[in-house]
Amino acid sequence: MLCSAIANAGGCKVDEGSVHPCIINGHDYGQLLYSLGVLGLLMLVTIPGGLFAFAVWFILLTLHRASWRKRFSAAVPPPIPRPSSSA
């Protein structure tokens, strides 16, 4: 979105097909805007991958907590020590 906002403000064309010249304040930002635009496509892989990793993590966390709770709920508390009768 930032890429297209900058390109629209400068009156430039940006697409994923090729680099187009974009002169803003005497400098060509075409390659930079192209890179920013193509990096936006990276979210098509990272967002689903991140959601999948989160789902796996959440399932493992739930299983771990269930086994942890089961382990400690079945445990017998340690015996209370008796005071020594040395006095």
N, C-alpha and C. Protein backbone atom coordinates (compact mmCIF):
# COMPACT_ATOMS: atom_id res chain seq x y z
N MET A 1 0.83 -1.18 0.00
CA MET A 1 0.00 0.00 0.00
C MET A 1 0.88 1.25 0.00
N LEU A 2 1.97 1.19 0.76
CA LEU A 2 2.89 2.33 0.80
C LEU A 2 3.50 2.55 -0.58
N CYS A 3 3.84 1.47 -1.25
CA CYS A 3 4.43 1.57 -2.59
C CYS A 3 3.48 2.26 -3.55
N SER A 4 2.23 1.84 -3.56
CA SER A 4 1.28 2.45 -4.49
C SER A 4 0.96 3.89 -4.10
N ALA A 5 0.97 4.19 -2.80
CA ALA A 5 0.72 5.57 -2.37
C ALA A 5 1.84 6.49 -2.84
N ILE A 6 3.09 6.04 -2.70
CA ILE A 6 4.23 6.84 -3.16
C ILE A 6 4.19 6.99 -4.67
N ALA A 7 3.90 5.90 -5.37
CA ALA A 7 3.87 5.94 -6.84
C ALA A 7 2.75 6.86 -7.32
N ASN A 8 1.59 6.79 -6.70
CA ASN A 8 0.48 7.66 -7.11
C ASN A 8 0.80 9.13 -6.83
N ALA A 9 1.46 9.40 -5.71
CA ALA A 9 1.82 10.78 -5.39
C ALA A 9 2.83 11.34 -6.39
N GLY A 10 3.72 10.47 -6.89
CA GLY A 10 4.72 10.91 -7.86
C GLY A 10 4.26 10.77 -9.30
N GLY A 11 3.05 10.26 -9.52
CA GLY A 11 2.54 10.08 -10.88
C GLY A 11 3.25 8.97 -11.63
N CYS A 12 3.63 7.92 -10.94
CA CYS A 12 4.39 6.82 -11.55
C CYS A 12 3.53 5.58 -11.68
N LYS A 13 4.00 4.67 -12.54
CA LYS A 13 3.33 3.39 -12.74
C LYS A 13 4.15 2.31 -12.06
N VAL A 14 3.49 1.46 -11.26
CA VAL A 14 4.18 0.35 -10.58
C VAL A 14 3.36 -0.90 -10.81
N ASP A 15 4.02 -1.97 -11.28
CA ASP A 15 3.40 -3.28 -11.38
C ASP A 15 4.46 -4.34 -11.15
N GLU A 16 4.03 -5.60 -11.05
CA GLU A 16 4.97 -6.67 -10.76
C GLU A 16 5.64 -7.22 -12.00
N GLY A 17 5.31 -6.71 -13.15
CA GLY A 17 5.87 -7.21 -14.39
C GLY A 17 7.27 -6.71 -14.68
N SER A 18 7.52 -5.44 -14.46
CA SER A 18 8.84 -4.88 -14.76
C SER A 18 9.02 -3.55 -14.02
N VAL A 19 10.26 -3.07 -14.06
CA VAL A 19 10.60 -1.80 -13.41
C VAL A 19 10.26 -0.67 -14.37
N HIS A 20 9.58 0.34 -13.88
CA HIS A 20 9.26 1.53 -14.67
C HIS A 20 9.97 2.72 -14.02
N PRO A 21 10.48 3.64 -14.82
CA PRO A 21 11.15 4.79 -14.23
C PRO A 21 10.15 5.65 -13.44
N CYS A 22 10.60 6.14 -12.30
CA CYS A 22 9.77 6.98 -11.46
C CYS A 22 10.66 8.08 -10.89
N ILE A 23 10.58 9.24 -11.48
CA ILE A 23 11.43 10.35 -11.08
C ILE A 23 10.68 11.19 -10.05
N ILE A 24 11.23 11.24 -8.83
CA ILE A 24 10.68 12.06 -7.76
C ILE A 24 11.82 12.90 -7.22
N ASN A 25 11.67 14.23 -7.27
CA ASN A 25 12.69 15.17 -6.82
C ASN A 25 14.05 14.93 -7.47
N GLY A 26 14.04 14.57 -8.73
CA GLY A 26 15.28 14.39 -9.49
C GLY A 26 15.95 13.04 -9.31
N HIS A 27 15.38 12.12 -8.57
CA HIS A 27 15.95 10.79 -8.37
C HIS A 27 14.98 9.74 -8.90
N ASP A 28 15.57 8.68 -9.48
CA ASP A 28 14.75 7.59 -10.01
C ASP A 28 14.52 6.56 -8.90
N TYR A 29 13.27 6.42 -8.47
CA TYR A 29 12.90 5.46 -7.44
C TYR A 29 12.16 4.26 -8.02
N GLY A 30 12.26 4.04 -9.29
CA GLY A 30 11.55 2.94 -9.95
C GLY A 30 11.92 1.57 -9.40
N GLN A 31 13.21 1.30 -9.26
CA GLN A 31 13.66 -0.01 -8.76
C GLN A 31 13.21 -0.22 -7.31
N LEU A 32 13.31 0.80 -6.49
CA LEU A 32 12.90 0.70 -5.09
C LEU A 32 11.39 0.44 -4.99
N LEU A 33 10.60 1.17 -5.75
CA LEU A 33 9.15 0.97 -5.72
C LEU A 33 8.77 -0.41 -6.24
N TYR A 34 9.49 -0.87 -7.27
CA TYR A 34 9.24 -2.22 -7.79
C TYR A 34 9.52 -3.27 -6.71
N SER A 35 10.65 -3.11 -6.00
CA SER A 35 11.00 -4.06 -4.94
C SER A 35 9.96 -4.04 -3.82
N LEU A 36 9.51 -2.85 -3.44
CA LEU A 36 8.49 -2.75 -2.40
C LEU A 36 7.19 -3.43 -2.85
N GLY A 37 6.83 -3.24 -4.09
CA GLY A 37 5.59 -3.84 -4.60
C GLY A 37 5.66 -5.35 -4.67
N VAL A 38 6.80 -5.89 -5.10
CA VAL A 38 6.94 -7.34 -5.21
C VAL A 38 7.05 -7.97 -3.82
N LEU A 39 7.66 -7.28 -2.87
CA LEU A 39 7.73 -7.82 -1.51
C LEU A 39 6.34 -7.94 -0.90
N GLY A 40 5.40 -7.16 -1.37
CA GLY A 40 4.03 -7.30 -0.90
C GLY A 40 3.44 -8.66 -1.25
N LEU A 41 3.93 -9.26 -2.34
CA LEU A 41 3.46 -10.60 -2.72
C LEU A 41 3.98 -11.67 -1.77
N LEU A 42 5.03 -11.35 -1.02
CA LEU A 42 5.59 -12.30 -0.07
C LEU A 42 4.57 -12.66 1.01
N MET A 43 3.65 -11.77 1.28
CA MET A 43 2.64 -12.06 2.31
C MET A 43 1.73 -13.20 1.88
N LEU A 44 1.65 -13.50 0.60
CA LEU A 44 0.83 -14.63 0.15
C LEU A 44 1.36 -15.95 0.66
N VAL A 45 2.65 -16.00 1.00
CA VAL A 45 3.25 -17.20 1.55
C VAL A 45 3.37 -17.11 3.06
N THR A 46 3.78 -15.95 3.57
CA THR A 46 4.09 -15.84 5.00
C THR A 46 2.84 -15.83 5.88
N ILE A 47 1.76 -15.23 5.44
CA ILE A 47 0.56 -15.20 6.29
C ILE A 47 -0.04 -16.60 6.47
N PRO A 48 -0.27 -17.38 5.40
CA PRO A 48 -0.77 -18.74 5.62
C PRO A 48 0.24 -19.61 6.37
N GLY A 49 1.53 -19.44 6.09
CA GLY A 49 2.54 -20.22 6.81
C GLY A 49 2.55 -19.87 8.29
N GLY A 50 2.42 -18.60 8.62
CA GLY A 50 2.37 -18.18 10.01
C GLY A 50 1.12 -18.69 10.71
N LEU A 51 0.00 -18.67 10.03
CA LEU A 51 -1.24 -19.20 10.62
C LEU A 51 -1.14 -20.70 10.88
N PHE A 52 -0.53 -21.42 9.95
CA PHE A 52 -0.33 -22.86 10.12
C PHE A 52 0.60 -23.13 11.30
N ALA A 53 1.70 -22.39 11.38
CA ALA A 53 2.64 -22.57 12.49
C ALA A 53 1.98 -22.23 13.82
N PHE A 54 1.15 -21.19 13.86
CA PHE A 54 0.44 -20.84 15.09
C PHE A 54 -0.53 -21.95 15.49
N ALA A 55 -1.23 -22.54 14.53
CA ALA A 55 -2.18 -23.61 14.84
C ALA A 55 -1.44 -24.83 15.41
N VAL A 56 -0.30 -25.19 14.80
CA VAL A 56 0.48 -26.32 15.31
C VAL A 56 0.98 -26.03 16.71
N TRP A 57 1.50 -24.82 16.94
CA TRP A 57 1.98 -24.43 18.26
C TRP A 57 0.86 -24.48 19.29
N PHE A 58 -0.31 -24.00 18.94
CA PHE A 58 -1.43 -23.97 19.87
C PHE A 58 -1.88 -25.38 20.24
N ILE A 59 -1.91 -26.27 19.26
CA ILE A 59 -2.29 -27.66 19.53
C ILE A 59 -1.27 -28.32 20.45
N LEU A 60 0.02 -28.12 20.16
CA LEU A 60 1.05 -28.69 21.02
C LEU A 60 1.02 -28.10 22.42
N LEU A 61 0.76 -26.82 22.54
CA LEU A 61 0.65 -26.18 23.85
C LEU A 61 -0.52 -26.78 24.64
N THR A 62 -1.64 -26.97 23.98
CA THR A 62 -2.82 -27.54 24.65
C THR A 62 -2.53 -28.96 25.13
N LEU A 63 -1.90 -29.77 24.29
CA LEU A 63 -1.56 -31.14 24.68
C LEU A 63 -0.56 -31.15 25.83
N HIS A 64 0.42 -30.26 25.78
CA HIS A 64 1.42 -30.19 26.83
C HIS A 64 0.79 -29.79 28.16
N ARG A 65 -0.06 -28.79 28.14
CA ARG A 65 -0.71 -28.34 29.38
C ARG A 65 -1.63 -29.43 29.94
N ALA A 66 -2.30 -30.16 29.07
CA ALA A 66 -3.17 -31.24 29.55
C ALA A 66 -2.35 -32.33 30.22
N SER A 67 -1.22 -32.71 29.64
CA SER A 67 -0.39 -33.74 30.25
C SER A 67 0.25 -33.21 31.54
N TRP A 68 0.62 -31.96 31.57
CA TRP A 68 1.19 -31.35 32.77
C TRP A 68 0.17 -31.35 33.91
N ARG A 69 -1.05 -30.94 33.59
CA ARG A 69 -2.11 -30.91 34.59
C ARG A 69 -2.42 -32.32 35.10
N LYS A 70 -2.45 -33.30 34.19
CA LYS A 70 -2.74 -34.67 34.58
C LYS A 70 -1.63 -35.22 35.49
N ARG A 71 -0.40 -34.87 35.18
CA ARG A 71 0.73 -35.35 35.97
C ARG A 71 0.67 -34.79 37.39
N PHE A 72 0.37 -33.51 37.54
CA PHE A 72 0.37 -32.91 38.86
C PHE A 72 -0.92 -33.14 39.64
N SER A 73 -2.01 -33.39 38.99
CA SER A 73 -3.24 -33.68 39.74
C SER A 73 -3.22 -35.09 40.31
N ALA A 74 -2.48 -36.01 39.71
CA ALA A 74 -2.39 -37.38 40.20
C ALA A 74 -1.28 -37.54 41.24
N ALA A 75 -0.45 -36.55 41.40
CA ALA A 75 0.68 -36.66 42.32
C ALA A 75 0.20 -36.60 43.77
N VAL A 76 0.85 -37.38 44.60
CA VAL A 76 0.55 -37.40 46.03
C VAL A 76 1.41 -36.32 46.68
N PRO A 77 0.83 -35.49 47.55
CA PRO A 77 1.64 -34.45 48.16
C PRO A 77 2.71 -35.05 49.06
N PRO A 78 3.83 -34.39 49.21
CA PRO A 78 4.91 -34.95 50.05
C PRO A 78 4.48 -35.00 51.51
N PRO A 79 5.02 -35.95 52.26
CA PRO A 79 4.63 -36.07 53.68
C PRO A 79 5.12 -34.87 54.47
N ILE A 80 4.37 -34.56 55.53
CA ILE A 80 4.73 -33.44 56.39
C ILE A 80 5.79 -33.96 57.38
N PRO A 81 6.92 -33.31 57.47
CA PRO A 81 7.95 -33.81 58.38
C PRO A 81 7.54 -33.63 59.85
N ARG A 82 7.87 -34.61 60.66
CA ARG A 82 7.56 -34.55 62.10
C ARG A 82 8.69 -33.82 62.82
N PRO A 83 8.34 -33.05 63.81
CA PRO A 83 9.41 -32.40 64.57
C PRO A 83 10.21 -33.45 65.35
N SER A 84 11.50 -33.22 65.40
CA SER A 84 12.35 -34.18 66.13
C SER A 84 12.16 -34.02 67.63
N SER A 85 12.18 -35.11 68.35
CA SER A 85 11.97 -35.06 69.79
C SER A 85 13.30 -35.14 70.54
N SER A 86 14.25 -34.34 70.13
CA SER A 86 15.57 -34.36 70.77
C SER A 86 15.59 -33.47 72.03
N ALA A 87 14.61 -32.64 72.26
CA ALA A 87 14.64 -31.75 73.43
C ALA A 87 14.00 -32.33 74.64
